[in-house]
Amino acid sequence: MMVQGIEEDLGLSDLGNIEKRVLLSVIEFYDQNGVASTAEILTHPLLNAFSRPSLFRALKVLEETGRIFKVSAKRGFYAPAKNVGSSISEV
């Protein structure tokens, strides 16, 4: 119940399990490297139970909802939206 309240406060309650995990991995790699690459995301331990197509769909959902964005013209490099990354990092 408490987790659900936190997710609502952060605006994450409308995301599915896979989208939440992908978002967490993007934030983690962004904090470490200044960017999250698709290759890193695909190998994250939180995501090894999901298929590759499912992970790409989750990235698309996160991008379409403004939670992540592409950081270059090259494919496969992402960063969290500023309001998403700061909110989760503060928790």
C-alpha atoms as a PDB file:
ATOM      1  CA  MET A   1       0.000   0.000   0.000  1.00  0.00           C
ATOM      2  CA  MET A   2       2.798   2.423   0.872  1.00  0.00           C
ATOM      3  CA  VAL A   3       4.623   1.696  -2.378  1.00  0.00           C
ATOM      4  CA  GLN A   4       1.468   2.448  -4.332  1.00  0.00           C
ATOM      5  CA  GLY A   5       1.228   5.844  -2.623  1.00  0.00           C
ATOM      6  CA  ILE A   6       4.828   6.645  -3.487  1.00  0.00           C
ATOM      7  CA  GLU A   7       4.268   5.592  -7.103  1.00  0.00           C
ATOM      8  CA  GLU A   8       1.232   7.874  -7.280  1.00  0.00           C
ATOM      9  CA  ASP A   9       3.220  10.760  -5.792  1.00  0.00           C
ATOM     10  CA  LEU A  10       5.933  10.249  -8.406  1.00  0.00           C
ATOM     11  CA  GLY A  11       3.451   9.887 -11.265  1.00  0.00           C
ATOM     12  CA  LEU A  12       4.404   6.277 -11.933  1.00  0.00           C
ATOM     13  CA  SER A  13       1.172   4.517 -10.988  1.00  0.00           C
ATOM     14  CA  ASP A  14      -0.002   4.357 -14.599  1.00  0.00           C
ATOM     15  CA  LEU A  15       3.072   2.407 -15.715  1.00  0.00           C
ATOM     16  CA  GLY A  16       3.275  -1.351 -15.946  1.00  0.00           C
ATOM     17  CA  ASN A  17       5.925  -3.411 -14.195  1.00  0.00           C
ATOM     18  CA  ILE A  18       8.219  -3.554 -17.216  1.00  0.00           C
ATOM     19  CA  GLU A  19       8.024   0.202 -17.850  1.00  0.00           C
ATOM     20  CA  LYS A  20       8.910   0.930 -14.219  1.00  0.00           C
ATOM     21  CA  ARG A  21      11.902  -1.399 -14.388  1.00  0.00           C
ATOM     22  CA  VAL A  22      13.102   0.039 -17.694  1.00  0.00           C
ATOM     23  CA  LEU A  23      12.756   3.564 -16.281  1.00  0.00           C
ATOM     24  CA  LEU A  24      14.787   2.600 -13.212  1.00  0.00           C
ATOM     25  CA  SER A  25      17.502   1.127 -15.421  1.00  0.00           C
ATOM     26  CA  VAL A  26      17.600   4.274 -17.593  1.00  0.00           C
ATOM     27  CA  ILE A  27      17.974   6.428 -14.478  1.00  0.00           C
ATOM     28  CA  GLU A  28      20.674   4.170 -13.056  1.00  0.00           C
ATOM     29  CA  PHE A  29      22.781   4.177 -16.230  1.00  0.00           C
ATOM     30  CA  TYR A  30      22.202   7.899 -16.740  1.00  0.00           C
ATOM     31  CA  ASP A  31      23.459   8.586 -13.208  1.00  0.00           C
ATOM     32  CA  GLN A  32      26.547   6.430 -13.842  1.00  0.00           C
ATOM     33  CA  ASN A  33      27.411   7.462 -17.416  1.00  0.00           C
ATOM     34  CA  GLY A  34      25.463  10.592 -18.323  1.00  0.00           C
ATOM     35  CA  VAL A  35      23.487   8.544 -20.854  1.00  0.00           C
ATOM     36  CA  ALA A  36      21.699   5.185 -20.968  1.00  0.00           C
ATOM     37  CA  SER A  37      22.344   3.063 -24.025  1.00  0.00           C
ATOM     38  CA  THR A  38      19.983   0.426 -25.346  1.00  0.00           C
ATOM     39  CA  ALA A  39      22.768  -2.150 -25.026  1.00  0.00           C
ATOM     40  CA  GLU A  40      23.125  -1.401 -21.303  1.00  0.00           C
ATOM     41  CA  ILE A  41      19.382  -1.377 -20.721  1.00  0.00           C
ATOM     42  CA  LEU A  42      18.966  -4.765 -22.403  1.00  0.00           C
ATOM     43  CA  THR A  43      21.529  -6.334 -20.069  1.00  0.00           C
ATOM     44  CA  HIS A  44      20.291  -4.826 -16.802  1.00  0.00           C
ATOM     45  CA  PRO A  45      19.603  -7.510 -14.150  1.00  0.00           C
ATOM     46  CA  LEU A  46      16.116  -6.108 -13.445  1.00  0.00           C
ATOM     47  CA  LEU A  47      15.146  -6.808 -17.039  1.00  0.00           C
ATOM     48  CA  ASN A  48      16.539 -10.256 -17.817  1.00  0.00           C
ATOM     49  CA  ALA A  49      13.083 -11.885 -17.502  1.00  0.00           C
ATOM     50  CA  PHE A  50      11.630  -9.788 -20.345  1.00  0.00           C
ATOM     51  CA  SER A  51      11.921 -10.344 -24.077  1.00  0.00           C
ATOM     52  CA  ARG A  52      13.809  -7.924 -26.279  1.00  0.00           C
ATOM     53  CA  PRO A  53      10.648  -6.773 -28.133  1.00  0.00           C
ATOM     54  CA  SER A  54       8.923  -6.114 -24.791  1.00  0.00           C
ATOM     55  CA  LEU A  55      11.827  -3.947 -23.662  1.00  0.00           C
ATOM     56  CA  PHE A  56      11.718  -1.912 -26.862  1.00  0.00           C
ATOM     57  CA  ARG A  57       7.953  -1.444 -26.455  1.00  0.00           C
ATOM     58  CA  ALA A  58       8.534  -0.232 -22.903  1.00  0.00           C
ATOM     59  CA  LEU A  59      11.163   2.253 -24.120  1.00  0.00           C
ATOM     60  CA  LYS A  60       8.678   3.521 -26.690  1.00  0.00           C
ATOM     61  CA  VAL A  61       5.937   3.955 -24.056  1.00  0.00           C
ATOM     62  CA  LEU A  62       8.325   5.829 -21.771  1.00  0.00           C
ATOM     63  CA  GLU A  63       9.416   8.079 -24.616  1.00  0.00           C
ATOM     64  CA  GLU A  64       5.833   8.745 -25.776  1.00  0.00           C
ATOM     65  CA  THR A  65       4.748   9.645 -22.234  1.00  0.00           C
ATOM     66  CA  GLY A  66       7.670  12.038 -21.786  1.00  0.00           C
ATOM     67  CA  ARG A  67       9.451  10.100 -19.071  1.00  0.00           C
ATOM     68  CA  ILE A  68      12.588   9.551 -21.150  1.00  0.00           C
ATOM     69  CA  PHE A  69      13.971  11.147 -24.304  1.00  0.00           C
ATOM     70  CA  LYS A  70      16.589  10.402 -26.935  1.00  0.00           C
ATOM     71  CA  VAL A  71      19.778  12.329 -26.342  1.00  0.00           C
ATOM     72  CA  SER A  72      21.249  12.252 -29.833  1.00  0.00           C
ATOM     73  CA  ALA A  73      20.373  11.747 -33.446  1.00  0.00           C
ATOM     74  CA  LYS A  74      21.922   8.289 -33.123  1.00  0.00           C
ATOM     75  CA  ARG A  75      19.531   5.570 -32.110  1.00  0.00           C
ATOM     76  CA  GLY A  76      19.713   3.906 -28.740  1.00  0.00           C
ATOM     77  CA  PHE A  77      20.773   6.632 -26.312  1.00  0.00           C
ATOM     78  CA  TYR A  78      18.342   7.849 -23.662  1.00  0.00           C
ATOM     79  CA  ALA A  79      18.082  10.093 -20.626  1.00  0.00           C
ATOM     80  CA  PRO A  80      15.302  10.443 -18.078  1.00  0.00           C
ATOM     81  CA  ALA A  81      13.115  13.518 -18.226  1.00  0.00           C
ATOM     82  CA  LYS A  82      14.352  15.995 -15.640  1.00  0.00           C
ATOM     83  CA  ASN A  83      11.203  15.855 -13.523  1.00  0.00           C
ATOM     84  CA  VAL A  84      11.215  12.031 -13.497  1.00  0.00           C
ATOM     85  CA  GLY A  85      14.885  11.573 -12.631  1.00  0.00           C
ATOM     86  CA  SER A  86      14.936  14.127  -9.843  1.00  0.00           C
ATOM     87  CA  SER A  87      11.790  12.776  -8.231  1.00  0.00           C
ATOM     88  CA  ILE A  88      13.002   9.199  -8.157  1.00  0.00           C
ATOM     89  CA  SER A  89      16.518  10.119  -7.054  1.00  0.00           C
ATOM     90  CA  GLU A  90      15.107  11.972  -4.060  1.00  0.00           C
ATOM     91  CA  VAL A  91      13.195   8.928  -2.775  1.00  0.00           C
END
